[in-house]
Protein backbone atom coordinates (compact mmCIF):
# COMPACT_ATOMS: atom_id res chain seq x y z
CA UNK A 1 0.03 -0.03 -0.05
CA UNK A 2 1.12 3.65 -0.50
CA UNK A 3 -0.42 5.90 2.00
CA UNK A 4 -0.46 9.76 1.60
CA UNK A 5 -1.64 12.95 3.43
CA UNK A 6 -3.14 15.58 1.56
CA UNK A 7 -4.48 18.94 2.12
CA UNK A 8 -3.50 22.26 3.64
CA UNK A 9 -0.61 22.25 6.32
CA UNK A 10 -1.92 21.03 9.86
CA UNK A 11 -5.32 20.03 8.26
CA UNK A 12 -3.96 17.07 5.86
CA UNK A 13 -6.44 14.28 5.51
CA UNK A 14 -5.22 10.70 5.05
CA UNK A 15 -5.42 9.02 1.64
CA UNK A 16 -4.29 6.01 -0.33
CA UNK A 17 -3.03 5.53 -3.91
CA UNK A 18 -4.67 3.49 -6.10
CA UNK A 19 -3.70 1.27 -8.92
CA UNK A 20 -3.93 4.02 -11.15
CA UNK A 21 -1.97 6.38 -9.14
CA UNK A 22 -4.86 8.38 -7.88
CA UNK A 23 -5.45 9.46 -4.16
CA UNK A 24 -8.45 7.96 -2.42
CA UNK A 25 -9.90 9.65 0.76
CA UNK A 26 -9.44 7.28 3.91
CA UNK A 27 -11.13 9.85 6.36
CA UNK A 28 -14.01 7.55 6.85
CA UNK A 29 -11.67 4.83 8.09
CA UNK A 30 -9.18 6.57 9.82
CA UNK A 31 -8.45 10.08 11.42
CA UNK A 32 -4.91 10.70 10.28
CA UNK A 33 -1.79 8.67 9.22
CA UNK A 34 -0.12 9.08 12.72
CA UNK A 35 0.73 6.97 15.91
CA UNK A 36 -1.52 3.81 16.45
CA UNK A 37 -3.12 3.78 13.18
CA UNK A 38 0.11 2.73 11.78
CA UNK A 39 0.27 -0.71 13.91
CA UNK A 40 0.17 -4.08 12.05
CA UNK A 41 -3.60 -4.54 13.12
CA UNK A 42 -4.69 -1.39 11.64
CA UNK A 43 -2.58 -1.49 8.43
CA UNK A 44 -3.93 -4.97 8.17
CA UNK A 45 -7.58 -3.78 8.41
CA UNK A 46 -6.81 -1.08 5.69
CA UNK A 47 -5.27 -3.44 3.62
CA UNK A 48 -8.72 -5.06 3.16
CA UNK A 49 -10.32 -1.88 1.88
CA UNK A 50 -10.96 -1.77 -2.07
CA UNK A 51 -9.25 1.45 -3.17
CA UNK A 52 -11.53 1.84 -6.26
CA UNK A 53 -14.86 2.26 -3.96
CA UNK A 54 -13.17 4.93 -1.82
CA UNK A 55 -14.13 8.56 -2.58
CA UNK A 56 -11.44 9.98 -5.14
CA UNK A 57 -9.85 13.16 -4.29
CA UNK A 58 -10.24 15.44 -7.56
CA UNK A 59 -7.81 18.00 -8.53
CA UNK A 60 -4.15 18.66 -7.47
CA UNK A 61 -4.39 19.32 -3.66
CA UNK A 62 -0.92 19.97 -1.64
CA UNK A 63 0.66 16.71 -0.54
CA UNK A 64 1.51 16.86 3.12
CA UNK A 65 4.27 14.81 4.80
CA UNK A 66 3.19 11.19 4.74
CA UNK A 67 3.10 10.57 8.58
CA UNK A 68 1.65 13.13 10.79
CA UNK A 69 2.46 13.94 14.72
CA UNK A 70 5.81 12.50 14.67
CA UNK A 71 7.15 11.96 17.88
CA UNK A 72 10.74 11.10 17.68
CA UNK A 73 12.79 12.28 14.45
CA UNK A 74 15.97 10.36 14.34
CA UNK A 75 18.65 10.48 11.93
CA UNK A 76 22.04 8.51 11.00
CA UNK A 77 25.17 10.18 10.00
CA UNK A 78 27.90 8.95 7.69
CA UNK A 79 26.09 5.97 6.89
CA UNK A 80 27.10 5.35 3.45
CA UNK A 81 30.58 4.29 2.69
CA UNK A 82 30.83 6.29 -0.52
CA UNK A 83 29.74 9.38 1.23
CA UNK A 84 32.14 9.00 4.32
CA UNK A 85 34.96 8.66 1.74
CA UNK A 86 33.71 11.98 -0.40
CA UNK A 87 33.65 13.93 3.31
CA UNK A 88 37.12 12.57 4.19
CA UNK A 89 35.84 10.84 7.22
CA UNK A 90 36.52 7.48 8.66
CA UNK A 91 33.68 5.17 8.25
CA UNK A 92 32.04 4.75 11.68
CA UNK A 93 32.11 1.31 13.68
CA UNK A 94 28.47 2.04 14.94
CA UNK A 95 25.84 4.09 13.93
CA UNK A 96 26.29 7.73 14.58
CA UNK A 97 22.85 9.09 15.72
CA UNK A 98 21.57 12.61 16.19
CA UNK A 99 17.80 14.25 16.16
CA UNK A 100 16.03 16.33 14.00
CA UNK A 101 13.28 18.51 15.32
CA UNK A 102 10.05 17.18 14.28
CA UNK A 103 8.83 20.65 13.89
CA UNK A 104 11.01 20.73 10.78
CA UNK A 105 9.06 18.25 8.80
CA UNK A 106 7.14 19.38 5.93
CA UNK A 107 5.54 18.08 2.96
CA UNK A 108 7.75 16.79 -0.24
CA UNK A 109 7.11 19.56 -2.35
CA UNK A 110 6.84 22.55 -0.07
CA UNK A 111 9.54 25.28 0.03
CA UNK A 112 12.80 24.64 1.81
CA UNK A 113 13.67 27.89 3.73
CA UNK A 114 17.66 28.80 4.07
CA UNK A 115 17.99 30.01 7.92
CA UNK A 116 18.87 33.53 8.52
CA UNK A 117 22.36 34.37 7.80
CA UNK A 118 23.23 30.73 6.43
CA UNK A 119 25.29 30.42 3.71
CA UNK A 120 26.12 26.65 3.87
CA UNK A 121 22.57 25.05 3.42
CA UNK A 122 23.05 21.54 1.81
CA UNK A 123 20.88 18.75 0.76
CA UNK A 124 20.63 15.01 1.23
CA UNK A 125 18.31 12.35 -0.21
CA UNK A 126 17.69 9.62 2.33
CA UNK A 127 15.72 6.40 2.82
CA UNK A 128 13.32 7.11 5.95
CA UNK A 129 11.72 4.51 8.19
CA UNK A 130 8.55 4.79 9.92
CA UNK A 131 7.93 2.86 12.80
CA UNK A 132 4.58 1.20 13.64
CA UNK A 133 4.79 -0.44 17.15
CA UNK A 134 5.88 0.65 20.22
CA UNK A 135 9.24 -1.46 20.96
CA UNK A 136 12.51 -1.73 22.56
CA UNK A 137 15.52 -4.26 22.07
CA UNK A 138 14.11 -5.45 18.67
CA UNK A 139 16.11 -8.46 17.25
CA UNK A 140 17.43 -7.40 13.96
CA UNK A 141 15.64 -10.30 12.40
CA UNK A 142 12.24 -9.03 13.59
CA UNK A 143 12.91 -5.31 12.95
CA UNK A 144 10.37 -4.93 9.93
CA UNK A 145 7.60 -6.49 12.06
CA UNK A 146 7.49 -3.19 13.89
CA UNK A 147 7.88 -0.88 10.56
CA UNK A 148 5.07 0.74 8.89
CA UNK A 149 6.65 1.72 5.81
CA UNK A 150 9.37 3.49 4.25
CA UNK A 151 9.46 7.15 2.49
CA UNK A 152 11.98 9.54 0.86
CA UNK A 153 13.18 12.38 3.36
CA UNK A 154 15.40 15.46 2.28
CA UNK A 155 17.72 15.75 5.18
CA UNK A 156 18.41 19.25 4.76
CA UNK A 157 21.45 20.42 6.65
CA UNK A 158 23.20 23.78 7.38
CA UNK A 159 27.00 22.82 7.56
CA UNK A 160 28.36 25.64 9.37
CA UNK A 161 25.72 25.07 12.08
CA UNK A 162 26.54 21.59 12.39
CA UNK A 163 30.36 21.61 12.03
CA UNK A 164 31.91 25.25 12.96
CA UNK A 165 32.36 26.87 16.38
CA UNK A 166 30.77 24.08 18.94
CA UNK A 167 29.59 22.16 16.31
CA UNK A 168 26.75 19.44 17.18
CA UNK A 169 24.91 18.06 14.28
CA UNK A 170 21.39 18.56 15.61
CA UNK A 171 22.01 22.40 15.35
CA UNK A 172 22.43 22.06 11.56
CA UNK A 173 19.60 19.46 11.10
CA UNK A 174 16.43 20.78 12.53
CA UNK A 175 15.77 24.24 11.37
CA UNK A 176 12.26 25.03 9.88
CA UNK A 177 11.40 23.10 6.52
CA UNK A 178 14.66 20.93 6.86
CA UNK A 179 12.67 17.74 6.88
CA UNK A 180 10.28 17.06 3.82
CA UNK A 181 8.82 13.40 3.86
CA UNK A 182 6.95 11.79 1.46
CA UNK A 183 5.44 11.96 -1.06
CA UNK A 184 4.12 8.43 0.18
CA UNK A 185 4.21 5.93 2.82
CA UNK A 186 5.01 2.50 1.50
CA UNK A 187 4.23 -0.59 3.29
CA UNK A 188 7.19 -3.09 3.56
CA UNK A 189 5.44 -5.59 1.29
CA UNK A 190 5.59 -3.23 -1.70
CA UNK A 191 9.34 -3.03 -1.38
CA UNK A 192 11.28 -6.46 -2.75
CA UNK A 193 14.57 -5.36 -0.95
CA UNK A 194 14.94 -2.14 0.83
CA UNK A 195 18.98 -2.45 0.60
CA UNK A 196 18.95 -2.16 -3.19
CA UNK A 197 16.98 0.95 -4.16
CA UNK A 198 18.29 3.52 -6.26
CA UNK A 199 18.38 7.33 -5.16
CA UNK A 200 19.09 10.50 -6.95
CA UNK A 201 19.13 14.10 -6.14
CA UNK A 202 19.28 16.97 -8.89
CA UNK A 203 19.84 20.87 -8.33
CA UNK A 204 18.55 23.13 -11.00
CA UNK A 205 18.35 19.81 -13.32
CA UNK A 206 22.19 18.87 -12.55
CA UNK A 207 22.40 15.69 -11.34
CA UNK A 208 24.16 15.81 -7.69
CA UNK A 209 23.38 12.52 -6.15
CA UNK A 210 23.47 9.11 -7.32
CA UNK A 211 23.38 6.41 -5.08
CA UNK A 212 21.93 3.06 -3.81
CA UNK A 213 20.86 1.73 -0.33
CA UNK A 214 23.25 -1.18 -1.12
CA UNK A 215 26.13 1.19 -0.03
CA UNK A 216 24.71 1.54 3.35
CA UNK A 217 27.40 1.05 6.17
CA UNK A 218 24.20 -0.09 8.63
CA UNK A 219 21.16 -1.54 6.69
CA UNK A 220 17.54 -0.42 7.66
CA UNK A 221 16.66 -3.50 9.86
CA UNK A 222 20.09 -3.47 11.81
CA UNK A 223 19.30 0.34 12.38
CA UNK A 224 16.06 -0.08 13.89
CA UNK A 225 17.40 -2.80 16.20
CA UNK A 226 20.45 -0.67 17.24
CA UNK A 227 18.35 2.36 17.89
CA UNK A 228 15.66 0.51 20.01
CA UNK A 229 18.57 -0.40 22.62
CA UNK A 230 18.66 3.15 23.54
CA UNK A 231 15.35 4.40 23.45
CA UNK A 232 11.61 3.53 23.46
CA UNK A 233 10.47 3.83 19.75
CA UNK A 234 6.95 4.87 19.36
CA UNK A 235 4.48 4.52 16.41
CA UNK A 236 5.01 7.33 14.02
CA UNK A 237 8.56 7.99 14.86
CA UNK A 238 10.75 8.50 11.73
CA UNK A 239 14.39 7.18 11.50
CA UNK A 240 16.17 8.57 8.38
CA UNK A 241 19.10 6.36 7.47
CA UNK A 242 21.69 8.50 5.86
CA UNK A 243 22.67 9.65 2.37
CA UNK A 244 24.90 8.61 -0.52
CA UNK A 245 27.71 10.80 -2.20
CA UNK A 246 27.19 14.09 -3.98
CA UNK A 247 26.25 16.53 -1.20
CA UNK A 248 27.44 19.96 -1.44
CA UNK A 249 29.83 20.10 1.40
CA UNK A 250 31.94 17.49 -0.50
CA UNK A 251 32.52 19.00 -3.62
CA UNK A 252 35.70 20.84 -4.68
CA UNK A 253 34.88 23.87 -4.16
CA UNK A 254 31.77 23.21 -1.86
CA UNK A 255 28.51 24.35 -3.64
CA UNK A 256 25.21 25.29 -1.44
CA UNK A 257 21.91 26.07 -2.02
CA UNK A 258 20.71 29.63 -2.54
CA UNK A 259 17.12 31.02 -3.23
CA UNK A 260 15.64 30.31 -6.30
CA UNK A 261 17.24 26.94 -6.41
CA UNK A 262 14.93 23.91 -7.30
CA UNK A 263 15.90 20.42 -5.73
CA UNK A 264 14.24 17.32 -7.16
CA UNK A 265 15.01 13.86 -5.60
CA UNK A 266 13.62 10.53 -5.07
CA UNK A 267 14.08 6.82 -4.34
CA UNK A 268 13.02 3.71 -6.15
CA UNK A 269 9.67 2.70 -5.57
CA UNK A 270 9.07 5.48 -2.99
CA UNK A 271 8.41 8.27 -5.31
CA UNK A 272 9.71 11.65 -5.90
CA UNK A 273 9.94 15.28 -4.03
CA UNK A 274 10.41 18.68 -5.59
CA UNK A 275 11.19 21.90 -3.54
CA UNK A 276 11.66 25.60 -3.96
CA UNK A 277 14.64 27.08 -1.79
CA UNK A 278 13.53 30.35 -0.31
CA UNK A 279 15.24 33.14 1.40
CA UNK A 280 14.93 33.22 5.25
CA UNK A 281 11.74 35.16 6.68
CA UNK A 282 9.76 35.20 9.95
């Protein structure tokens, strides 16, 4: 199944994408795509619905983030061997974890806003995991039993905030609009092998990132298991899992986003995003 949330920001409705790629309204069956709605029992109930019998959403509504009311937004750094190499970093021996602010989450086609006084705002196409069950200390072989689905994330990053001065990754990762999610939340049964997905990102029509989840140092199942050792994962939590090479910081000389830029990105089977980059405004 491919789930979607549509409508004005903060008032999104739940939907499902039918076989023809059209959005069908799920509002009569679930209040939103968040929290306990994402557990196995609830998703199994939704899987029995016939999308063609659901109300058709007409026109071209705004697409919101594919999961609502996110509690924890957890990210993994330097998780692609080829990306670590481009930054000159030593590949980590265990996952590097940091937080993105849930308040940075926006829809997949919403504007990305450069923070005030920023000159080093960067892009990162990433596979994100959405948790469906409350869990702790999950064995790796059972990790996907607690996963509601996967989606595309643009882990927008401000590199000066992240690495200069006192540093701290979370400072450069949680600014407003720095977490586009979607367009779809794709259930695991739709993905034959989550570790064999092509990924790409363009800026102004120029290909910047080309990669594959095959080069992840720590795979999706391992990350769910590992992170669940250190915190209770809750339904609707999001884990974004790192980026392949081609980020602006890794170029010689570095290239960063500016107002007016257009970012396009996507992951095989998970859909595409498009964002206009705007200047900071209060």
